[in-house]
Amino acid sequence: MSIINPDIPDQLLLDKYALEPSQFMNLDGFKIHYRDEGKKDGQPV
C-alpha cells in the first residue's frame, strides 16, 4: 500500500493532518511526518 498520492497538494495534507504535536524529519530524502503523544511514562506502541 502506498501513502503517496501526487494528486493531493502537499499543503492540503499539511493543513489537515500536521497539527500539534506533529513533527517532521528527513529520512533518505523523504520528509517524514510523525507524532509523539501520550504519557511520557507509558508503554510505547
C-alpha atoms as a PDB file:
ATOM      1  CA  MET A   1       0.000   0.000   0.000  1.00  0.00           C
ATOM      2  CA  SER A   2       1.367   3.389  -0.939  1.00  0.00           C
ATOM      3  CA  ILE A   3       0.583   6.508   1.052  1.00  0.00           C
ATOM      4  CA  ILE A   4       1.995   8.800  -1.624  1.00  0.00           C
ATOM      5  CA  ASN A   5      -0.724  10.419  -3.706  1.00  0.00           C
ATOM      6  CA  PRO A   6       0.592  13.094  -6.072  1.00  0.00           C
ATOM      7  CA  ASP A   7      -2.987  14.213  -6.876  1.00  0.00           C
ATOM      8  CA  ILE A   8      -3.378  15.823  -3.444  1.00  0.00           C
ATOM      9  CA  PRO A   9      -1.366  19.023  -2.897  1.00  0.00           C
ATOM     10  CA  ASP A  10       1.137  18.804  -0.033  1.00  0.00           C
ATOM     11  CA  GLN A  11      -0.212  21.935   1.644  1.00  0.00           C
ATOM     12  CA  LEU A  12      -3.754  20.499   1.776  1.00  0.00           C
ATOM     13  CA  LEU A  13      -2.447  17.411   3.593  1.00  0.00           C
ATOM     14  CA  LEU A  14      -0.317  19.506   5.957  1.00  0.00           C
ATOM     15  CA  ASP A  15      -3.284  21.740   6.825  1.00  0.00           C
ATOM     16  CA  LYS A  16      -5.445  18.680   7.566  1.00  0.00           C
ATOM     17  CA  TYR A  17      -3.032  16.352   9.378  1.00  0.00           C
ATOM     18  CA  ALA A  18       0.042  18.266  10.578  1.00  0.00           C
ATOM     19  CA  LEU A  19      -1.482  19.647  13.764  1.00  0.00           C
ATOM     20  CA  GLU A  20       0.112  19.729  17.223  1.00  0.00           C
ATOM     21  CA  PRO A  21       2.088  17.700  18.251  1.00  0.00           C
ATOM     22  CA  SER A  22       3.223  16.921  14.686  1.00  0.00           C
ATOM     23  CA  GLN A  23       6.931  16.783  13.983  1.00  0.00           C
ATOM     24  CA  PHE A  24       8.944  16.216  10.823  1.00  0.00           C
ATOM     25  CA  MET A  25      12.261  14.609   9.979  1.00  0.00           C
ATOM     26  CA  ASN A  26      14.144  13.923   6.756  1.00  0.00           C
ATOM     27  CA  LEU A  27      14.922  10.304   6.019  1.00  0.00           C
ATOM     28  CA  ASP A  28      16.732   9.331   2.835  1.00  0.00           C
ATOM     29  CA  GLY A  29      15.380  12.408   1.040  1.00  0.00           C
ATOM     30  CA  PHE A  30      11.793  11.973   2.246  1.00  0.00           C
ATOM     31  CA  LYS A  31      10.015  14.338   4.642  1.00  0.00           C
ATOM     32  CA  ILE A  32       8.535  12.094   7.370  1.00  0.00           C
ATOM     33  CA  HIS A  33       5.578  13.265   9.490  1.00  0.00           C
ATOM     34  CA  TYR A  34       5.210  11.776  12.960  1.00  0.00           C
ATOM     35  CA  ARG A  35       3.606  12.495  16.327  1.00  0.00           C
ATOM     36  CA  ASP A  36       4.999  11.777  19.771  1.00  0.00           C
ATOM     37  CA  GLU A  37       1.919  11.630  22.009  1.00  0.00           C
ATOM     38  CA  GLY A  38       0.731  10.080  25.224  1.00  0.00           C
ATOM     39  CA  LYS A  39       2.017   9.652  28.725  1.00  0.00           C
ATOM     40  CA  LYS A  40       5.783  10.098  28.956  1.00  0.00           C
ATOM     41  CA  ASP A  41       5.996   7.093  31.318  1.00  0.00           C
ATOM     42  CA  GLY A  42       3.561   4.933  29.311  1.00  0.00           C
ATOM     43  CA  GLN A  43       4.258   1.914  27.141  1.00  0.00           C
ATOM     44  CA  PRO A  44       5.358   2.693  23.573  1.00  0.00           C
ATOM     45  CA  VAL A  45       3.297   1.304  20.711  1.00  0.00           C
END
